[in-house]
Amino acid sequence: MVNPDLIRFLDYLKLQKDDTKIIIDLPTYPYNQEWHGIKGSLALLIDKTYAKKLHRYIDIITHSGPETELFVYAQ
């Protein structure tokens, strides 16, 4: 799940060395069906908000599912 702490950590990594390559793996995608109730809705809202910033830090996203586009809403 993408959250402010993850974004800060990725920013920190990139600041340490500009040519650092960051690769993340999404074991399940889309994962929005995994969250339920009010807490789940809030978590997904936070995730969606901060996922829009991922492209600044991530060089490669791996995934073993059939999807060809991930985080389309992050464009």
C-alpha atoms as a PDB file:
ATOM      1  CA  MET A   1       0.000   0.000   0.000  1.00  0.00           C
ATOM      2  CA  VAL A   2       1.300   3.411  -0.926  1.00  0.00           C
ATOM      3  CA  ASN A   3       1.349   5.901   1.943  1.00  0.00           C
ATOM      4  CA  PRO A   4       3.247   9.037   2.994  1.00  0.00           C
ATOM      5  CA  ASP A   5       5.932   7.015   4.792  1.00  0.00           C
ATOM      6  CA  LEU A   6       6.707   5.003   1.660  1.00  0.00           C
ATOM      7  CA  ILE A   7       6.957   8.176  -0.423  1.00  0.00           C
ATOM      8  CA  ARG A   8       9.320   9.756   2.132  1.00  0.00           C
ATOM      9  CA  PHE A   9      11.457   6.606   2.150  1.00  0.00           C
ATOM     10  CA  LEU A  10      11.671   6.492  -1.644  1.00  0.00           C
ATOM     11  CA  ASP A  11      12.545  10.185  -1.706  1.00  0.00           C
ATOM     12  CA  TYR A  12      15.290   9.538   0.846  1.00  0.00           C
ATOM     13  CA  LEU A  13      16.708   6.708  -1.275  1.00  0.00           C
ATOM     14  CA  LYS A  14      16.781   8.852  -4.404  1.00  0.00           C
ATOM     15  CA  LEU A  15      18.448  11.700  -2.526  1.00  0.00           C
ATOM     16  CA  GLN A  16      21.249   9.415  -1.333  1.00  0.00           C
ATOM     17  CA  LYS A  17      22.348   8.661  -4.862  1.00  0.00           C
ATOM     18  CA  ASP A  18      20.566  10.109  -7.873  1.00  0.00           C
ATOM     19  CA  ASP A  19      21.210   7.119 -10.137  1.00  0.00           C
ATOM     20  CA  THR A  20      19.603   4.667  -7.695  1.00  0.00           C
ATOM     21  CA  LYS A  21      17.135   2.374  -9.448  1.00  0.00           C
ATOM     22  CA  ILE A  22      14.053   1.401  -7.446  1.00  0.00           C
ATOM     23  CA  ILE A  23      12.074  -1.709  -8.332  1.00  0.00           C
ATOM     24  CA  ILE A  24       8.904  -2.729  -6.503  1.00  0.00           C
ATOM     25  CA  ASP A  25       6.829  -5.870  -6.785  1.00  0.00           C
ATOM     26  CA  LEU A  26       3.067  -5.934  -6.405  1.00  0.00           C
ATOM     27  CA  PRO A  27       2.163  -9.433  -5.235  1.00  0.00           C
ATOM     28  CA  THR A  28      -1.523  -8.739  -5.847  1.00  0.00           C
ATOM     29  CA  TYR A  29      -3.078  -6.184  -8.165  1.00  0.00           C
ATOM     30  CA  PRO A  30      -5.609  -4.766  -8.132  1.00  0.00           C
ATOM     31  CA  TYR A  31      -5.674  -5.011  -4.382  1.00  0.00           C
ATOM     32  CA  ASN A  32      -8.649  -2.701  -3.809  1.00  0.00           C
ATOM     33  CA  GLN A  33     -10.950  -5.717  -3.341  1.00  0.00           C
ATOM     34  CA  GLU A  34      -8.879  -6.746  -0.318  1.00  0.00           C
ATOM     35  CA  TRP A  35      -9.969  -3.777   1.796  1.00  0.00           C
ATOM     36  CA  HIS A  36     -13.423  -3.541   3.359  1.00  0.00           C
ATOM     37  CA  GLY A  37     -15.407  -1.198   5.569  1.00  0.00           C
ATOM     38  CA  ILE A  38     -14.644   2.357   6.604  1.00  0.00           C
ATOM     39  CA  LYS A  39     -11.009   1.600   7.476  1.00  0.00           C
ATOM     40  CA  GLY A  40     -10.528  -0.059   4.109  1.00  0.00           C
ATOM     41  CA  SER A  41     -12.108   2.842   2.251  1.00  0.00           C
ATOM     42  CA  LEU A  42      -9.844   5.297   4.074  1.00  0.00           C
ATOM     43  CA  ALA A  43      -6.778   3.146   3.369  1.00  0.00           C
ATOM     44  CA  LEU A  44      -7.649   2.998  -0.329  1.00  0.00           C
ATOM     45  CA  LEU A  45      -8.168   6.761  -0.473  1.00  0.00           C
ATOM     46  CA  ILE A  46      -4.704   7.295   1.040  1.00  0.00           C
ATOM     47  CA  ASP A  47      -3.246   4.719  -1.328  1.00  0.00           C
ATOM     48  CA  LYS A  48      -4.806   6.314  -4.397  1.00  0.00           C
ATOM     49  CA  THR A  49      -3.691   9.784  -3.335  1.00  0.00           C
ATOM     50  CA  TYR A  50      -0.046   8.800  -2.823  1.00  0.00           C
ATOM     51  CA  ALA A  51       0.143   6.368  -5.750  1.00  0.00           C
ATOM     52  CA  LYS A  52      -0.034   9.431  -7.985  1.00  0.00           C
ATOM     53  CA  LYS A  53       3.458  10.321  -6.727  1.00  0.00           C
ATOM     54  CA  LEU A  54       5.030   6.897  -7.296  1.00  0.00           C
ATOM     55  CA  HIS A  55       6.122   7.603 -10.860  1.00  0.00           C
ATOM     56  CA  ARG A  56       8.648  10.135  -9.542  1.00  0.00           C
ATOM     57  CA  TYR A  57      10.560   7.446  -7.643  1.00  0.00           C
ATOM     58  CA  ILE A  58       9.908   4.017  -9.138  1.00  0.00           C
ATOM     59  CA  ASP A  59      11.864   2.828 -12.152  1.00  0.00           C
ATOM     60  CA  ILE A  60      10.245  -0.589 -12.567  1.00  0.00           C
ATOM     61  CA  ILE A  61       7.126  -2.244 -11.157  1.00  0.00           C
ATOM     62  CA  THR A  62       6.963  -6.019 -11.412  1.00  0.00           C
ATOM     63  CA  HIS A  63       3.759  -8.010 -11.300  1.00  0.00           C
ATOM     64  CA  SER A  64       2.895 -11.586 -12.220  1.00  0.00           C
ATOM     65  CA  GLY A  65      -0.771 -11.010 -13.107  1.00  0.00           C
ATOM     66  CA  PRO A  66      -2.431 -10.484 -16.485  1.00  0.00           C
ATOM     67  CA  GLU A  67      -2.687  -6.669 -16.182  1.00  0.00           C
ATOM     68  CA  THR A  68      -0.610  -4.691 -18.661  1.00  0.00           C
ATOM     69  CA  GLU A  69      -1.143  -1.281 -17.030  1.00  0.00           C
ATOM     70  CA  LEU A  70      -0.826  -0.613 -13.313  1.00  0.00           C
ATOM     71  CA  PHE A  71      -1.889   2.522 -11.460  1.00  0.00           C
ATOM     72  CA  VAL A  72      -3.629   3.979 -14.493  1.00  0.00           C
ATOM     73  CA  TYR A  73      -5.158   6.582 -12.179  1.00  0.00           C
ATOM     74  CA  ALA A  74      -1.649   7.759 -11.267  1.00  0.00           C
ATOM     75  CA  GLN A  75      -1.043   9.376 -14.652  1.00  0.00           C
END
